Structure formats: structure tokens, C-alpha cells
N, C-alpha and C. Protein backbone atom coordinates (compact mmCIF):
# COMPACT_ATOMS: atom_id res chain seq x y z
N UNK A 1 0.81 -1.19 0.00
CA UNK A 1 0.00 0.00 0.00
C UNK A 1 0.86 1.26 0.00
N UNK A 2 1.94 1.25 0.77
CA UNK A 2 2.84 2.39 0.78
C UNK A 2 3.49 2.59 -0.57
N UNK A 3 3.77 1.49 -1.26
CA UNK A 3 4.41 1.58 -2.58
C UNK A 3 3.48 2.27 -3.57
N UNK A 4 2.19 1.96 -3.50
CA UNK A 4 1.21 2.58 -4.38
C UNK A 4 1.11 4.08 -4.09
N UNK A 5 1.11 4.44 -2.82
CA UNK A 5 1.03 5.85 -2.44
C UNK A 5 2.27 6.60 -2.92
N UNK A 6 3.43 5.98 -2.79
CA UNK A 6 4.67 6.62 -3.25
C UNK A 6 4.69 6.78 -4.75
N UNK A 7 4.18 5.80 -5.48
CA UNK A 7 4.13 5.90 -6.93
C UNK A 7 3.15 6.98 -7.39
N UNK A 8 2.03 7.12 -6.68
CA UNK A 8 1.07 8.16 -7.03
C UNK A 8 1.64 9.55 -6.73
N UNK A 9 2.42 9.66 -5.67
CA UNK A 9 3.00 10.95 -5.31
C UNK A 9 4.09 11.38 -6.27
N UNK A 10 4.96 10.47 -6.64
CA UNK A 10 6.09 10.83 -7.49
C UNK A 10 5.82 10.60 -8.96
N UNK A 11 4.62 10.17 -9.32
CA UNK A 11 4.31 9.89 -10.71
C UNK A 11 4.29 11.15 -11.57
N UNK A 12 3.75 12.23 -11.06
CA UNK A 12 3.69 13.49 -11.79
C UNK A 12 4.74 14.43 -11.21
N UNK A 13 5.80 14.68 -11.96
CA UNK A 13 6.93 15.45 -11.45
C UNK A 13 6.55 16.89 -11.11
N UNK A 14 5.70 17.52 -11.91
CA UNK A 14 5.33 18.92 -11.66
C UNK A 14 4.53 19.05 -10.36
N UNK A 15 3.58 18.14 -10.15
CA UNK A 15 2.81 18.17 -8.90
C UNK A 15 3.71 17.89 -7.70
N UNK A 16 4.62 16.96 -7.85
CA UNK A 16 5.52 16.62 -6.74
C UNK A 16 6.40 17.81 -6.37
N UNK A 17 6.99 18.47 -7.36
CA UNK A 17 7.85 19.62 -7.08
C UNK A 17 7.04 20.79 -6.52
N UNK A 18 5.84 20.98 -7.03
CA UNK A 18 4.97 22.02 -6.49
C UNK A 18 4.61 21.76 -5.04
N UNK A 19 4.35 20.50 -4.73
CA UNK A 19 4.01 20.14 -3.35
C UNK A 19 5.19 20.35 -2.43
N UNK A 20 6.38 19.94 -2.85
CA UNK A 20 7.58 20.13 -2.04
C UNK A 20 7.86 21.62 -1.83
N UNK A 21 7.71 22.42 -2.90
CA UNK A 21 7.92 23.85 -2.78
C UNK A 21 6.91 24.48 -1.82
N UNK A 22 5.65 24.10 -1.93
CA UNK A 22 4.61 24.67 -1.07
C UNK A 22 4.84 24.31 0.39
N UNK A 23 5.22 23.08 0.67
CA UNK A 23 5.47 22.67 2.05
C UNK A 23 6.67 23.40 2.62
N UNK A 24 7.75 23.52 1.84
CA UNK A 24 8.93 24.20 2.36
C UNK A 24 8.68 25.69 2.54
N UNK A 25 7.95 26.33 1.62
CA UNK A 25 7.67 27.75 1.75
C UNK A 25 6.77 28.02 2.95
N UNK A 26 5.76 27.19 3.16
CA UNK A 26 4.86 27.42 4.29
C UNK A 26 5.57 27.18 5.62
N UNK A 27 6.42 26.17 5.70
CA UNK A 27 7.15 25.96 6.95
C UNK A 27 8.15 27.09 7.20
N UNK A 28 8.78 27.60 6.15
CA UNK A 28 9.68 28.74 6.30
C UNK A 28 8.93 29.97 6.81
N UNK A 29 7.77 30.24 6.26
CA UNK A 29 7.02 31.43 6.67
C UNK A 29 6.49 31.29 8.09
N UNK A 30 6.10 30.09 8.51
CA UNK A 30 5.66 29.87 9.88
C UNK A 30 6.80 30.12 10.86
N UNK A 31 7.98 29.61 10.55
CA UNK A 31 9.13 29.79 11.43
C UNK A 31 9.53 31.26 11.48
N UNK A 32 9.47 31.95 10.35
CA UNK A 32 9.83 33.36 10.32
C UNK A 32 8.86 34.19 11.15
N UNK A 33 7.57 33.94 11.02
CA UNK A 33 6.60 34.69 11.80
C UNK A 33 6.75 34.40 13.29
N UNK A 34 7.06 33.17 13.65
CA UNK A 34 7.26 32.83 15.06
C UNK A 34 8.49 33.55 15.61
N UNK A 35 9.55 33.65 14.81
CA UNK A 35 10.75 34.33 15.31
C UNK A 35 10.51 35.84 15.41
N UNK A 36 9.73 36.41 14.50
CA UNK A 36 9.39 37.83 14.61
C UNK A 36 8.58 38.07 15.88
N UNK A 37 7.63 37.21 16.17
CA UNK A 37 6.82 37.34 17.38
C UNK A 37 7.68 37.21 18.63
N UNK A 38 8.57 36.23 18.65
CA UNK A 38 9.44 36.07 19.83
C UNK A 38 10.38 37.26 20.00
N UNK A 39 10.87 37.81 18.90
CA UNK A 39 11.72 38.99 18.99
C UNK A 39 10.98 40.19 19.52
N UNK A 40 9.75 40.39 19.06
CA UNK A 40 8.95 41.50 19.58
C UNK A 40 8.63 41.32 21.05
N UNK A 41 8.28 40.12 21.46
CA UNK A 41 8.00 39.88 22.87
C UNK A 41 9.25 40.05 23.73
N UNK A 42 10.40 39.70 23.18
CA UNK A 42 11.65 39.86 23.92
C UNK A 42 11.99 41.34 24.10
N UNK A 43 11.70 42.15 23.10
CA UNK A 43 11.99 43.59 23.17
C UNK A 43 11.03 44.32 24.09
N UNK A 44 9.81 43.84 24.20
CA UNK A 44 8.79 44.58 24.97
C UNK A 44 8.59 44.01 26.37
N UNK A 45 9.44 43.13 26.82
CA UNK A 45 9.26 42.59 28.17
C UNK A 45 9.59 43.64 29.22
N UNK A 46 9.05 43.45 30.38
CA UNK A 46 9.22 44.42 31.45
C UNK A 46 10.63 44.36 32.01
N UNK A 47 11.14 45.50 32.41
CA UNK A 47 12.48 45.57 32.98
C UNK A 47 12.45 45.54 34.50
N UNK A 48 11.30 45.24 35.09
CA UNK A 48 11.20 45.19 36.55
C UNK A 48 11.80 43.88 37.06
N UNK A 49 11.60 43.59 38.31
CA UNK A 49 12.22 42.44 38.94
C UNK A 49 11.69 41.09 38.48
N UNK A 50 10.59 41.08 37.74
CA UNK A 50 10.04 39.82 37.28
C UNK A 50 10.73 39.39 36.00
N UNK A 51 11.18 38.17 35.97
CA UNK A 51 11.87 37.68 34.78
C UNK A 51 10.85 37.07 33.93
């Protein structure tokens, strides 16, 4: 069953490359937005005695 799924996935080269590009681009953008959020939260934290 896994062999059939792998053959269906890699059978059409354009769809396969488009899928790989879409997954990598979306994971890159998620990580970038998370790092922007963490950087903003790090800059705006309170300077009082609470860590």
C-alpha cells in the first residue's frame, strides 16, 4: 500500500515539485513569523524584577 502511495505521489513530477515547494515555503514562513513574534515579545518585556 505504501508503494502505491509513493508511486502516485512521485508519478507526476510537476505536482511533486509544487508540493515540495509549497510545504517548504509554508514551513519557512511559519518559522519566520514565530521568530518575529518572539523577537517583539523579547523587546517589549518588562524591565522590573520579574523575569
